[in-house]
Amino acid sequence: MKWTASTARGVGLAAVMLSMGVGLVLSGHEHVYERILPKDDTYYFVLGNSGQLRYHNVRSSSDTVVAFDTDRAFMLVEIVNSTLNFQVISRDGRTVDAGSLELLAKPMPEPKDPQASN
């Protein structure tokens, strides 16, 4: 199985992230750029094409919003209050993806006392 943000959501990591109040997942192991549809108010980005590029290696799914695998890119991120502004720029200066996303305030789980579990 190819490990992507979509498969990570399918194997239970999304449930863990949801239970921990995670609203944004940034990963980079895949050598491509991909923005995935949000699930349970959690946004998913894969930005791994800043290093070694895997040319034409995106395996888009129905969850893919934007995919880019023809050049290296980097991502600018600014968070102002609850708004995440982002711009993904290719090596030649083209904007690959950009937008503003509202990060929802999620309750943080109460910390568990490791001594209380026994």
Protein backbone atom coordinates (compact mmCIF):
# COMPACT_ATOMS: atom_id res chain seq x y z
CA MET A 1 0.00 0.00 0.00
CA LYS A 2 1.28 3.47 -0.88
CA TRP A 3 1.32 5.66 2.23
CA THR A 4 -0.38 9.02 1.60
CA ALA A 5 -2.44 11.49 3.58
CA SER A 6 -5.55 9.75 2.23
CA THR A 7 -4.43 6.31 3.42
CA ALA A 8 -3.34 7.73 6.77
CA ARG A 9 -6.87 8.95 7.30
CA GLY A 10 -8.19 5.52 6.36
CA VAL A 11 -6.09 3.53 8.84
CA GLY A 12 -7.13 5.24 12.01
CA LEU A 13 -4.76 8.17 12.33
CA ALA A 14 -7.62 10.55 11.60
CA ALA A 15 -9.48 9.25 14.64
CA VAL A 16 -6.45 9.84 16.83
CA MET A 17 -5.94 13.34 15.42
CA LEU A 18 -9.63 14.13 15.90
CA SER A 19 -9.52 12.96 19.51
CA MET A 20 -6.47 15.18 20.12
CA GLY A 21 -8.05 18.28 18.56
CA VAL A 22 -5.72 18.45 15.55
CA GLY A 23 -6.92 20.92 12.91
CA LEU A 24 -3.98 20.93 10.49
CA VAL A 25 -1.71 18.15 9.27
CA LEU A 26 1.47 19.06 7.36
CA SER A 27 3.48 16.13 6.08
CA GLY A 28 6.35 15.86 3.68
CA HIS A 29 7.52 12.33 3.05
CA GLU A 30 5.88 11.98 -0.37
CA HIS A 31 7.99 13.78 -2.99
CA VAL A 32 5.02 15.73 -4.40
CA TYR A 33 2.63 18.50 -3.32
CA GLU A 34 -0.95 17.57 -2.55
CA ARG A 35 -3.78 19.29 -0.69
CA ILE A 36 -6.44 16.88 0.52
CA LEU A 37 -10.09 17.60 1.25
CA PRO A 38 -10.63 18.39 4.92
CA LYS A 39 -12.18 15.68 7.04
CA ASP A 40 -13.75 16.36 10.43
CA ASP A 41 -12.53 19.96 10.18
CA THR A 42 -8.89 18.85 9.80
CA TYR A 43 -6.91 20.12 6.80
CA TYR A 44 -4.26 17.92 5.16
CA PHE A 45 -1.22 19.06 3.14
CA VAL A 46 1.64 16.99 1.73
CA LEU A 47 4.66 19.09 0.74
CA GLY A 48 7.52 16.79 -0.08
CA ASN A 49 8.67 18.16 -3.41
CA SER A 50 11.02 20.72 -1.87
CA GLY A 51 13.79 18.10 -1.89
CA GLN A 52 13.93 15.20 -4.30
CA LEU A 53 11.11 15.41 -6.85
CA ARG A 54 9.19 12.35 -8.00
CA TYR A 55 8.18 13.63 -11.41
CA HIS A 56 4.59 12.66 -12.37
CA ASN A 57 4.23 10.54 -9.21
CA VAL A 58 1.01 11.95 -7.70
CA ARG A 59 -1.65 9.31 -7.26
CA SER A 60 -4.66 11.57 -6.96
CA SER A 61 -7.83 10.33 -5.34
CA SER A 62 -11.33 11.73 -5.01
CA ASP A 63 -10.01 13.50 -1.89
CA THR A 64 -7.33 15.43 -3.82
CA VAL A 65 -8.02 19.16 -4.14
CA VAL A 66 -4.70 20.18 -5.75
CA ALA A 67 -1.74 18.06 -6.81
CA PHE A 68 1.62 19.15 -8.24
CA ASP A 69 4.51 16.92 -9.22
CA THR A 70 6.29 18.58 -12.12
CA ASP A 71 8.72 20.82 -10.21
CA ARG A 72 9.96 21.57 -6.71
CA ALA A 73 7.93 23.93 -4.54
CA PHE A 74 7.83 25.54 -1.13
CA MET A 75 4.97 26.73 1.04
CA LEU A 76 4.48 30.05 2.80
CA VAL A 77 2.13 29.88 5.79
CA GLU A 78 0.77 32.66 7.94
CA ILE A 79 -1.72 32.16 10.73
CA VAL A 80 -3.63 35.22 11.88
CA ASN A 81 -6.07 34.53 14.70
CA SER A 82 -7.99 31.52 13.35
CA THR A 83 -7.19 32.04 9.65
CA LEU A 84 -4.46 30.06 7.93
CA ASN A 85 -3.19 31.79 4.77
CA PHE A 86 -1.01 29.70 2.48
CA GLN A 87 0.75 29.95 -0.85
CA VAL A 88 2.66 27.16 -2.58
CA ILE A 89 5.25 28.48 -5.02
CA SER A 90 7.17 26.48 -7.61
CA ARG A 91 10.88 26.87 -8.21
CA ASP A 92 10.21 29.16 -11.19
CA GLY A 93 7.99 31.46 -9.11
CA ARG A 94 4.55 30.26 -10.22
CA THR A 95 1.81 29.97 -7.60
CA VAL A 96 0.78 26.31 -7.52
CA ASP A 97 -1.90 26.66 -4.84
CA ALA A 98 -3.04 29.41 -2.49
CA GLY A 99 -5.88 30.16 -0.16
CA SER A 100 -7.21 30.98 3.27
CA LEU A 101 -8.68 28.38 5.60
CA GLU A 102 -10.55 28.87 8.85
CA LEU A 103 -9.11 26.78 11.66
CA LEU A 104 -11.83 25.86 14.10
CA ALA A 105 -11.20 26.03 17.81
CA LYS A 106 -11.23 22.44 19.04
CA PRO A 107 -11.33 21.44 22.67
CA MET A 108 -8.10 19.92 23.88
CA PRO A 109 -8.49 16.61 25.68
CA GLU A 110 -7.74 16.52 29.37
CA PRO A 111 -4.22 15.19 30.02
CA LYS A 112 -4.19 11.70 31.41
CA ASP A 113 -2.24 10.85 34.52
CA PRO A 114 0.06 7.97 33.49
CA GLN A 115 0.12 6.75 37.10
CA ALA A 116 -3.68 6.47 37.26
CA SER A 117 -3.96 3.79 34.55
CA ASN A 118 -2.73 0.95 36.80
